[in-house]
Amino acid sequence: MTKKQQRRRYKLHQNIKQLFDYSATLKTVYVPHDFELENRYIKELKDKYNYQIQYQIQ
């Protein structure tokens, strides 16, 4: 992963950390079970960086 890609991934983490839980080491984003995947930051993490989306019941 290039430095530019690492910086972008870090910035995406900063954008989603107020809304969702995530694990950078496991490459997983935890979202509520009734959440629609319309968030562009999560979509980019999923498509570009192969993150998994984990739905959870709270």
C-alpha atoms as a PDB file:
ATOM      1  CA  MET A   1       0.000   0.000   0.000  1.00  0.00           C
ATOM      2  CA  THR A   2       1.415   3.355  -0.979  1.00  0.00           C
ATOM      3  CA  LYS A   3       1.699   6.333   1.362  1.00  0.00           C
ATOM      4  CA  LYS A   4      -1.109   8.085  -0.498  1.00  0.00           C
ATOM      5  CA  GLN A   5      -3.421   5.096  -0.022  1.00  0.00           C
ATOM      6  CA  GLN A   6      -2.507   4.875   3.671  1.00  0.00           C
ATOM      7  CA  ARG A   7      -3.318   8.548   4.186  1.00  0.00           C
ATOM      8  CA  ARG A   8      -6.651   8.151   2.416  1.00  0.00           C
ATOM      9  CA  ARG A   9      -7.563   5.109   4.499  1.00  0.00           C
ATOM     10  CA  TYR A  10      -6.663   6.995   7.695  1.00  0.00           C
ATOM     11  CA  LYS A  11      -8.835   9.929   6.590  1.00  0.00           C
ATOM     12  CA  LEU A  12     -11.755   7.581   5.937  1.00  0.00           C
ATOM     13  CA  HIS A  13     -11.318   6.176   9.452  1.00  0.00           C
ATOM     14  CA  GLN A  14     -11.467   9.716  10.836  1.00  0.00           C
ATOM     15  CA  ASN A  15     -14.695  10.385   8.946  1.00  0.00           C
ATOM     16  CA  ILE A  16     -16.544   7.283  10.138  1.00  0.00           C
ATOM     17  CA  LYS A  17     -15.340   7.063  13.733  1.00  0.00           C
ATOM     18  CA  GLN A  18     -18.018   9.497  15.009  1.00  0.00           C
ATOM     19  CA  LEU A  19     -20.815   7.391  13.509  1.00  0.00           C
ATOM     20  CA  PHE A  20     -19.650   3.773  13.639  1.00  0.00           C
ATOM     21  CA  ASP A  21     -17.299   1.406  15.387  1.00  0.00           C
ATOM     22  CA  TYR A  22     -14.517  -0.076  13.315  1.00  0.00           C
ATOM     23  CA  SER A  23     -11.447  -2.236  13.612  1.00  0.00           C
ATOM     24  CA  ALA A  24      -8.578  -1.246  11.352  1.00  0.00           C
ATOM     25  CA  THR A  25      -6.593  -4.406  12.107  1.00  0.00           C
ATOM     26  CA  LEU A  26      -9.529  -6.692  11.280  1.00  0.00           C
ATOM     27  CA  LYS A  27     -10.632  -4.438   8.401  1.00  0.00           C
ATOM     28  CA  THR A  28     -14.204  -4.416   9.684  1.00  0.00           C
ATOM     29  CA  VAL A  29     -16.798  -1.685  10.085  1.00  0.00           C
ATOM     30  CA  TYR A  30     -19.618  -2.340  12.573  1.00  0.00           C
ATOM     31  CA  VAL A  31     -22.931  -0.739  11.599  1.00  0.00           C
ATOM     32  CA  PRO A  32     -26.454  -0.979  13.088  1.00  0.00           C
ATOM     33  CA  HIS A  33     -28.595  -3.746  11.620  1.00  0.00           C
ATOM     34  CA  ASP A  34     -31.107  -1.329  10.066  1.00  0.00           C
ATOM     35  CA  PHE A  35     -28.482   0.856   8.373  1.00  0.00           C
ATOM     36  CA  GLU A  36     -28.560   1.264   4.597  1.00  0.00           C
ATOM     37  CA  LEU A  37     -25.144   1.362   2.947  1.00  0.00           C
ATOM     38  CA  GLU A  38     -25.442   4.875   1.579  1.00  0.00           C
ATOM     39  CA  ASN A  39     -22.435   6.283   3.371  1.00  0.00           C
ATOM     40  CA  ARG A  40     -19.786   7.051   0.756  1.00  0.00           C
ATOM     41  CA  TYR A  41     -16.903   6.566   3.196  1.00  0.00           C
ATOM     42  CA  ILE A  42     -17.986   3.058   4.087  1.00  0.00           C
ATOM     43  CA  LYS A  43     -18.533   2.231   0.432  1.00  0.00           C
ATOM     44  CA  GLU A  44     -15.002   3.371  -0.393  1.00  0.00           C
ATOM     45  CA  LEU A  45     -13.493   1.330   2.444  1.00  0.00           C
ATOM     46  CA  LYS A  46     -15.447  -1.701   1.260  1.00  0.00           C
ATOM     47  CA  ASP A  47     -14.671  -1.360  -2.444  1.00  0.00           C
ATOM     48  CA  LYS A  48     -11.103  -0.025  -2.433  1.00  0.00           C
ATOM     49  CA  TYR A  49      -9.639  -1.483   0.751  1.00  0.00           C
ATOM     50  CA  ASN A  50     -11.630  -4.734   1.067  1.00  0.00           C
ATOM     51  CA  TYR A  51     -13.239  -3.936   4.419  1.00  0.00           C
ATOM     52  CA  GLN A  52     -16.021  -6.154   5.724  1.00  0.00           C
ATOM     53  CA  ILE A  53     -19.330  -4.703   6.861  1.00  0.00           C
ATOM     54  CA  GLN A  54     -20.604  -6.280  10.078  1.00  0.00           C
ATOM     55  CA  TYR A  55     -24.203  -5.592  11.028  1.00  0.00           C
ATOM     56  CA  GLN A  56     -24.910  -5.629  14.751  1.00  0.00           C
ATOM     57  CA  ILE A  57     -28.018  -5.488  16.884  1.00  0.00           C
ATOM     58  CA  GLN A  58     -27.862  -2.953  19.669  1.00  0.00           C
END
